[in-house]
Amino acid sequence: MGILFVYINALQAIGAATPSLILSLSRQGFIFLPCLVLCNSFFHLDGLAMAQPMADMLSCLLAYYLFKRLKTAYN
């Protein structure tokens, strides 16, 4: 999660407010809720425990993608 927060703050620092907002909302909304539903349907109660780490990892991947995309746009 620390890496995700670093990416969120880095995006805010370079003036990319929209990608930063997307990352903030994705961790507990856009990514977490579908992970929660999918993990619950496949793994039942264990899936509920796996949904948060999975959503954090997917949010970190999204953060890396957005940061790289913006970094190449500024170069």
PDB file of N, CA and C in Angstrom:
ATOM      1  N   MET A   1       0.820  -1.191   0.000  1.00  0.00           N
ATOM      2  CA  MET A   1       0.000   0.000   0.000  1.00  0.00           C
ATOM      3  C   MET A   1       0.860   1.249   0.000  1.00  0.00           C
ATOM      4  N   GLY A   2       2.018   1.159   0.635  1.00  0.00           N
ATOM      5  CA  GLY A   2       2.896   2.321   0.675  1.00  0.00           C
ATOM      6  C   GLY A   2       3.306   2.764  -0.711  1.00  0.00           C
ATOM      7  N   ILE A   3       3.571   1.806  -1.576  1.00  0.00           N
ATOM      8  CA  ILE A   3       3.960   2.129  -2.950  1.00  0.00           C
ATOM      9  C   ILE A   3       2.822   2.840  -3.667  1.00  0.00           C
ATOM     10  N   LEU A   4       1.621   2.387  -3.442  1.00  0.00           N
ATOM     11  CA  LEU A   4       0.455   3.021  -4.066  1.00  0.00           C
ATOM     12  C   LEU A   4       0.323   4.468  -3.615  1.00  0.00           C
ATOM     13  N   PHE A   5       0.508   4.722  -2.337  1.00  0.00           N
ATOM     14  CA  PHE A   5       0.395   6.088  -1.832  1.00  0.00           C
ATOM     15  C   PHE A   5       1.518   6.978  -2.364  1.00  0.00           C
ATOM     16  N   VAL A   6       2.691   6.411  -2.578  1.00  0.00           N
ATOM     17  CA  VAL A   6       3.783   7.178  -3.178  1.00  0.00           C
ATOM     18  C   VAL A   6       3.409   7.572  -4.597  1.00  0.00           C
ATOM     19  N   TYR A   7       2.858   6.645  -5.363  1.00  0.00           N
ATOM     20  CA  TYR A   7       2.431   6.963  -6.728  1.00  0.00           C
ATOM     21  C   TYR A   7       1.322   8.009  -6.727  1.00  0.00           C
ATOM     22  N   ILE A   8       0.369   7.895  -5.818  1.00  0.00           N
ATOM     23  CA  ILE A   8      -0.716   8.871  -5.748  1.00  0.00           C
ATOM     24  C   ILE A   8      -0.162  10.263  -5.463  1.00  0.00           C
ATOM     25  N   ASN A   9       0.741  10.357  -4.502  1.00  0.00           N
ATOM     26  CA  ASN A   9       1.322  11.655  -4.166  1.00  0.00           C
ATOM     27  C   ASN A   9       2.233  12.172  -5.271  1.00  0.00           C
ATOM     28  N   ALA A  10       2.947  11.292  -5.944  1.00  0.00           N
ATOM     29  CA  ALA A  10       3.802  11.723  -7.054  1.00  0.00           C
ATOM     30  C   ALA A  10       2.964  12.274  -8.198  1.00  0.00           C
ATOM     31  N   LEU A  11       1.855  11.632  -8.479  1.00  0.00           N
ATOM     32  CA  LEU A  11       0.978  12.137  -9.531  1.00  0.00           C
ATOM     33  C   LEU A  11       0.375  13.485  -9.156  1.00  0.00           C
ATOM     34  N   GLN A  12       0.036  13.650  -7.897  1.00  0.00           N
ATOM     35  CA  GLN A  12      -0.464  14.950  -7.450  1.00  0.00           C
ATOM     36  C   GLN A  12       0.618  16.011  -7.573  1.00  0.00           C
ATOM     37  N   ALA A  13       1.851  15.643  -7.262  1.00  0.00           N
ATOM     38  CA  ALA A  13       2.948  16.611  -7.291  1.00  0.00           C
ATOM     39  C   ALA A  13       3.259  17.102  -8.697  1.00  0.00           C
ATOM     40  N   ILE A  14       3.075  16.247  -9.698  1.00  0.00           N
ATOM     41  CA  ILE A  14       3.357  16.686 -11.065  1.00  0.00           C
ATOM     42  C   ILE A  14       2.143  17.321 -11.722  1.00  0.00           C
ATOM     43  N   GLY A  15       1.059  17.436 -10.982  1.00  0.00           N
ATOM     44  CA  GLY A  15      -0.116  18.132 -11.483  1.00  0.00           C
ATOM     45  C   GLY A  15      -1.113  17.260 -12.213  1.00  0.00           C
ATOM     46  N   ALA A  16      -0.985  15.953 -12.063  1.00  0.00           N
ATOM     47  CA  ALA A  16      -1.918  15.024 -12.714  1.00  0.00           C
ATOM     48  C   ALA A  16      -2.996  14.636 -11.713  1.00  0.00           C
ATOM     49  N   ALA A  17      -3.953  15.524 -11.529  1.00  0.00           N
ATOM     50  CA  ALA A  17      -4.977  15.322 -10.505  1.00  0.00           C
ATOM     51  C   ALA A  17      -5.950  14.206 -10.872  1.00  0.00           C
ATOM     52  N   THR A  18      -6.315  14.092 -12.135  1.00  0.00           N
ATOM     53  CA  THR A  18      -7.283  13.075 -12.540  1.00  0.00           C
ATOM     54  C   THR A  18      -6.757  11.655 -12.349  1.00  0.00           C
ATOM     55  N   PRO A  19      -5.532  11.331 -12.819  1.00  0.00           N
ATOM     56  CA  PRO A  19      -5.015   9.982 -12.545  1.00  0.00           C
ATOM     57  C   PRO A  19      -4.841   9.708 -11.049  1.00  0.00           C
ATOM     58  N   SER A  20      -4.476  10.724 -10.302  1.00  0.00           N
ATOM     59  CA  SER A  20      -4.343  10.566  -8.858  1.00  0.00           C
ATOM     60  C   SER A  20      -5.688  10.251  -8.218  1.00  0.00           C
ATOM     61  N   LEU A  21      -6.729  10.914  -8.669  1.00  0.00           N
ATOM     62  CA  LEU A  21      -8.080  10.644  -8.172  1.00  0.00           C
ATOM     63  C   LEU A  21      -8.537   9.241  -8.555  1.00  0.00           C
ATOM     64  N   ILE A  22      -8.221   8.834  -9.777  1.00  0.00           N
ATOM     65  CA  ILE A  22      -8.579   7.488 -10.222  1.00  0.00           C
ATOM     66  C   ILE A  22      -7.919   6.441  -9.340  1.00  0.00           C
ATOM     67  N   LEU A  23      -6.658   6.650  -9.006  1.00  0.00           N
ATOM     68  CA  LEU A  23      -5.964   5.701  -8.140  1.00  0.00           C
ATOM     69  C   LEU A  23      -6.556   5.677  -6.737  1.00  0.00           C
ATOM     70  N   SER A  24      -6.882   6.827  -6.226  1.00  0.00           N
ATOM     71  CA  SER A  24      -7.467   6.883  -4.889  1.00  0.00           C
ATOM     72  C   SER A  24      -8.814   6.159  -4.836  1.00  0.00           C
ATOM     73  N   LEU A  25      -9.612   6.339  -5.867  1.00  0.00           N
ATOM     74  CA  LEU A  25     -10.918   5.690  -5.912  1.00  0.00           C
ATOM     75  C   LEU A  25     -10.827   4.212  -6.272  1.00  0.00           C
ATOM     76  N   SER A  26      -9.793   3.845  -7.002  1.00  0.00           N
ATOM     77  CA  SER A  26      -9.697   2.455  -7.450  1.00  0.00           C
ATOM     78  C   SER A  26      -9.410   1.499  -6.311  1.00  0.00           C
ATOM     79  N   ARG A  27      -8.647   1.919  -5.351  1.00  0.00           N
ATOM     80  CA  ARG A  27      -8.257   1.009  -4.274  1.00  0.00           C
ATOM     81  C   ARG A  27      -9.460   0.501  -3.502  1.00  0.00           C
ATOM     82  N   GLN A  28     -10.409   1.359  -3.185  1.00  0.00           N
ATOM     83  CA  GLN A  28     -11.571   0.939  -2.405  1.00  0.00           C
ATOM     84  C   GLN A  28     -12.864   0.899  -3.211  1.00  0.00           C
ATOM     85  N   GLY A  29     -12.798   1.207  -4.483  1.00  0.00           N
ATOM     86  CA  GLY A  29     -14.024   1.258  -5.258  1.00  0.00           C
ATOM     87  C   GLY A  29     -13.957   0.482  -6.547  1.00  0.00           C
ATOM     88  N   PHE A  30     -13.320   1.059  -7.543  1.00  0.00           N
ATOM     89  CA  PHE A  30     -13.339   0.495  -8.887  1.00  0.00           C
ATOM     90  C   PHE A  30     -12.726  -0.899  -8.953  1.00  0.00           C
ATOM     91  N   ILE A  31     -11.719  -1.155  -8.159  1.00  0.00           N
ATOM     92  CA  ILE A  31     -11.052  -2.457  -8.209  1.00  0.00           C
ATOM     93  C   ILE A  31     -11.481  -3.347  -7.054  1.00  0.00           C
ATOM     94  N   PHE A  32     -11.641  -2.780  -5.875  1.00  0.00           N
ATOM     95  CA  PHE A  32     -11.933  -3.600  -4.704  1.00  0.00           C
ATOM     96  C   PHE A  32     -13.301  -4.276  -4.785  1.00  0.00           C
ATOM     97  N   LEU A  33     -14.321  -3.559  -5.175  1.00  0.00           N
ATOM     98  CA  LEU A  33     -15.663  -4.146  -5.211  1.00  0.00           C
ATOM     99  C   LEU A  33     -15.779  -5.315  -6.189  1.00  0.00           C
ATOM    100  N   PRO A  34     -15.267  -5.195  -7.425  1.00  0.00           N
ATOM    101  CA  PRO A  34     -15.308  -6.380  -8.295  1.00  0.00           C
ATOM    102  C   PRO A  34     -14.464  -7.542  -7.768  1.00  0.00           C
ATOM    103  N   CYS A  35     -13.303  -7.240  -7.162  1.00  0.00           N
ATOM    104  CA  CYS A  35     -12.494  -8.304  -6.560  1.00  0.00           C
ATOM    105  C   CYS A  35     -13.260  -8.985  -5.435  1.00  0.00           C
ATOM    106  N   LEU A  36     -13.963  -8.209  -4.662  1.00  0.00           N
ATOM    107  CA  LEU A  36     -14.741  -8.754  -3.553  1.00  0.00           C
ATOM    108  C   LEU A  36     -15.816  -9.712  -4.058  1.00  0.00           C
ATOM    109  N   VAL A  37     -16.521  -9.310  -5.089  1.00  0.00           N
ATOM    110  CA  VAL A  37     -17.583 -10.155  -5.637  1.00  0.00           C
ATOM    111  C   VAL A  37     -17.006 -11.415  -6.279  1.00  0.00           C
ATOM    112  N   LEU A  38     -15.944 -11.256  -7.068  1.00  0.00           N
ATOM    113  CA  LEU A  38     -15.359 -12.412  -7.745  1.00  0.00           C
ATOM    114  C   LEU A  38     -14.723 -13.395  -6.762  1.00  0.00           C
ATOM    115  N   CYS A  39     -13.954 -12.878  -5.833  1.00  0.00           N
ATOM    116  CA  CYS A  39     -13.305 -13.760  -4.859  1.00  0.00           C
ATOM    117  C   CYS A  39     -14.332 -14.462  -3.979  1.00  0.00           C
ATOM    118  N   ASN A  40     -15.394 -13.766  -3.637  1.00  0.00           N
ATOM    119  CA  ASN A  40     -16.446 -14.390  -2.824  1.00  0.00           C
ATOM    120  C   ASN A  40     -17.144 -15.499  -3.597  1.00  0.00           C
ATOM    121  N   SER A  41     -17.355 -15.299  -4.881  1.00  0.00           N
ATOM    122  CA  SER A  41     -18.054 -16.325  -5.658  1.00  0.00           C
ATOM    123  C   SER A  41     -17.177 -17.556  -5.905  1.00  0.00           C
ATOM    124  N   PHE A  42     -15.859 -17.361  -5.999  1.00  0.00           N
ATOM    125  CA  PHE A  42     -14.975 -18.496  -6.248  1.00  0.00           C
ATOM    126  C   PHE A  42     -14.475 -19.172  -4.972  1.00  0.00           C
ATOM    127  N   PHE A  43     -14.140 -18.363  -3.956  1.00  0.00           N
ATOM    128  CA  PHE A  43     -13.490 -18.907  -2.759  1.00  0.00           C
ATOM    129  C   PHE A  43     -14.309 -18.742  -1.482  1.00  0.00           C
ATOM    130  N   HIS A  44     -15.502 -18.202  -1.595  1.00  0.00           N
ATOM    131  CA  HIS A  44     -16.426 -18.011  -0.467  1.00  0.00           C
ATOM    132  C   HIS A  44     -15.786 -17.148   0.629  1.00  0.00           C
ATOM    133  N   LEU A  45     -15.766 -17.611   1.843  1.00  0.00           N
ATOM    134  CA  LEU A  45     -15.279 -16.785   2.948  1.00  0.00           C
ATOM    135  C   LEU A  45     -13.791 -16.464   2.825  1.00  0.00           C
ATOM    136  N   ASP A  46     -13.000 -17.404   2.341  1.00  0.00           N
ATOM    137  CA  ASP A  46     -11.573 -17.132   2.138  1.00  0.00           C
ATOM    138  C   ASP A  46     -11.368 -16.057   1.079  1.00  0.00           C
ATOM    139  N   GLY A  47     -12.259 -16.002   0.122  1.00  0.00           N
ATOM    140  CA  GLY A  47     -12.169 -14.987  -0.922  1.00  0.00           C
ATOM    141  C   GLY A  47     -12.336 -13.578  -0.400  1.00  0.00           C
ATOM    142  N   LEU A  48     -13.134 -13.429   0.658  1.00  0.00           N
ATOM    143  CA  LEU A  48     -13.306 -12.101   1.242  1.00  0.00           C
ATOM    144  C   LEU A  48     -12.001 -11.596   1.833  1.00  0.00           C
ATOM    145  N   ALA A  49     -11.221 -12.504   2.398  1.00  0.00           N
ATOM    146  CA  ALA A  49      -9.930 -12.116   2.966  1.00  0.00           C
ATOM    147  C   ALA A  49      -8.896 -11.843   1.873  1.00  0.00           C
ATOM    148  N   MET A  50      -9.036 -12.498   0.730  1.00  0.00           N
ATOM    149  CA  MET A  50      -8.082 -12.314  -0.370  1.00  0.00           C
ATOM    150  C   MET A  50      -8.391 -11.096  -1.227  1.00  0.00           C
ATOM    151  N   ALA A  51      -9.573 -10.554  -1.126  1.00  0.00           N
ATOM    152  CA  ALA A  51      -9.985  -9.466  -2.023  1.00  0.00           C
ATOM    153  C   ALA A  51      -9.178  -8.196  -1.799  1.00  0.00           C
ATOM    154  N   GLN A  52      -8.919  -7.822  -0.563  1.00  0.00           N
ATOM    155  CA  GLN A  52      -8.195  -6.573  -0.302  1.00  0.00           C
ATOM    156  C   GLN A  52      -6.748  -6.620  -0.796  1.00  0.00           C
ATOM    157  N   PRO A  53      -5.964  -7.657  -0.486  1.00  0.00           N
ATOM    158  CA  PRO A  53      -4.604  -7.687  -1.041  1.00  0.00           C
ATOM    159  C   PRO A  53      -4.587  -7.743  -2.567  1.00  0.00           C
ATOM    160  N   MET A  54      -5.554  -8.442  -3.150  1.00  0.00           N
ATOM    161  CA  MET A  54      -5.624  -8.507  -4.599  1.00  0.00           C
ATOM    162  C   MET A  54      -5.932  -7.128  -5.183  1.00  0.00           C
ATOM    163  N   ALA A  55      -6.846  -6.418  -4.569  1.00  0.00           N
ATOM    164  CA  ALA A  55      -7.191  -5.073  -5.037  1.00  0.00           C
ATOM    165  C   ALA A  55      -6.001  -4.119  -4.873  1.00  0.00           C
ATOM    166  N   ASP A  56      -5.250  -4.273  -3.798  1.00  0.00           N
ATOM    167  CA  ASP A  56      -4.061  -3.436  -3.601  1.00  0.00           C
ATOM    168  C   ASP A  56      -3.010  -3.704  -4.675  1.00  0.00           C
ATOM    169  N   MET A  57      -2.799  -4.969  -5.001  1.00  0.00           N
ATOM    170  CA  MET A  57      -1.819  -5.303  -6.033  1.00  0.00           C
ATOM    171  C   MET A  57      -2.262  -4.795  -7.401  1.00  0.00           C
ATOM    172  N   LEU A  58      -3.524  -4.955  -7.721  1.00  0.00           N
ATOM    173  CA  LEU A  58      -4.025  -4.458  -9.006  1.00  0.00           C
ATOM    174  C   LEU A  58      -3.987  -2.933  -9.071  1.00  0.00           C
ATOM    175  N   SER A  59      -4.234  -2.275  -7.951  1.00  0.00           N
ATOM    176  CA  SER A  59      -4.146  -0.814  -7.900  1.00  0.00           C
ATOM    177  C   SER A  59      -2.714  -0.356  -8.091  1.00  0.00           C
ATOM    178  N   CYS A  60      -1.760  -1.100  -7.537  1.00  0.00           N
ATOM    179  CA  CYS A  60      -0.343  -0.761  -7.738  1.00  0.00           C
ATOM    180  C   CYS A  60       0.057  -0.911  -9.200  1.00  0.00           C
ATOM    181  N   LEU A  61      -0.442  -1.949  -9.850  1.00  0.00           N
ATOM    182  CA  LEU A  61      -0.158  -2.116 -11.276  1.00  0.00           C
ATOM    183  C   LEU A  61      -0.761  -0.979 -12.097  1.00  0.00           C
ATOM    184  N   LEU A  62      -1.961  -0.579 -11.750  1.00  0.00           N
ATOM    185  CA  LEU A  62      -2.594   0.561 -12.423  1.00  0.00           C
ATOM    186  C   LEU A  62      -1.790   1.835 -12.175  1.00  0.00           C
ATOM    187  N   ALA A  63      -1.324   2.018 -10.961  1.00  0.00           N
ATOM    188  CA  ALA A  63      -0.532   3.203 -10.623  1.00  0.00           C
ATOM    189  C   ALA A  63       0.758   3.235 -11.426  1.00  0.00           C
ATOM    190  N   TYR A  64       1.414   2.091 -11.532  1.00  0.00           N
ATOM    191  CA  TYR A  64       2.651   2.012 -12.313  1.00  0.00           C
ATOM    192  C   TYR A  64       2.386   2.364 -13.773  1.00  0.00           C
ATOM    193  N   TYR A  65       1.312   1.829 -14.324  1.00  0.00           N
ATOM    194  CA  TYR A  65       0.960   2.117 -15.712  1.00  0.00           C
ATOM    195  C   TYR A  65       0.678   3.607 -15.922  1.00  0.00           C
ATOM    196  N   LEU A  66      -0.139   4.193 -15.054  1.00  0.00           N
ATOM    197  CA  LEU A  66      -0.468   5.620 -15.201  1.00  0.00           C
ATOM    198  C   LEU A  66       0.763   6.494 -15.036  1.00  0.00           C
ATOM    199  N   PHE A  67       1.617   6.159 -14.077  1.00  0.00           N
ATOM    200  CA  PHE A  67       2.817   6.965 -13.850  1.00  0.00           C
ATOM    201  C   PHE A  67       3.764   6.866 -15.040  1.00  0.00           C
ATOM    202  N   LYS A  68       3.963   5.676 -15.573  1.00  0.00           N
ATOM    203  CA  LYS A  68       4.846   5.512 -16.737  1.00  0.00           C
ATOM    204  C   LYS A  68       4.291   6.248 -17.936  1.00  0.00           C
ATOM    205  N   ARG A  69       2.980   6.172 -18.134  1.00  0.00           N
ATOM    206  CA  ARG A  69       2.363   6.855 -19.269  1.00  0.00           C
ATOM    207  C   ARG A  69       2.549   8.362 -19.167  1.00  0.00           C
ATOM    208  N   LEU A  70       2.367   8.910 -17.975  1.00  0.00           N
ATOM    209  CA  LEU A  70       2.527  10.351 -17.789  1.00  0.00           C
ATOM    210  C   LEU A  70       3.994  10.748 -17.842  1.00  0.00           C
ATOM    211  N   LYS A  71       4.857   9.883 -17.359  1.00  0.00           N
ATOM    212  CA  LYS A  71       6.289  10.186 -17.391  1.00  0.00           C
ATOM    213  C   LYS A  71       6.794  10.287 -18.823  1.00  0.00           C
ATOM    214  N   THR A  72       6.340   9.392 -19.696  1.00  0.00           N
ATOM    215  CA  THR A  72       6.751   9.469 -21.093  1.00  0.00           C
ATOM    216  C   THR A  72       6.126  10.673 -21.794  1.00  0.00           C
ATOM    217  N   ALA A  73       4.974  11.110 -21.336  1.00  0.00           N
ATOM    218  CA  ALA A  73       4.340  12.280 -21.946  1.00  0.00           C
ATOM    219  C   ALA A  73       5.111  13.550 -21.604  1.00  0.00           C
ATOM    220  N   TYR A  74       5.770  13.585 -20.434  1.00  0.00           N
ATOM    221  CA  TYR A  74       6.522  14.767 -20.023  1.00  0.00           C
ATOM    222  C   TYR A  74       7.928  14.773 -20.599  1.00  0.00           C
ATOM    223  N   ASN A  75       8.410  13.638 -21.115  1.00  0.00           N
ATOM    224  CA  ASN A  75       9.780  13.588 -21.686  1.00  0.00           C
ATOM    225  C   ASN A  75       9.794  14.016 -23.096  1.00  0.00           C
TER     226      ASN A  75
END
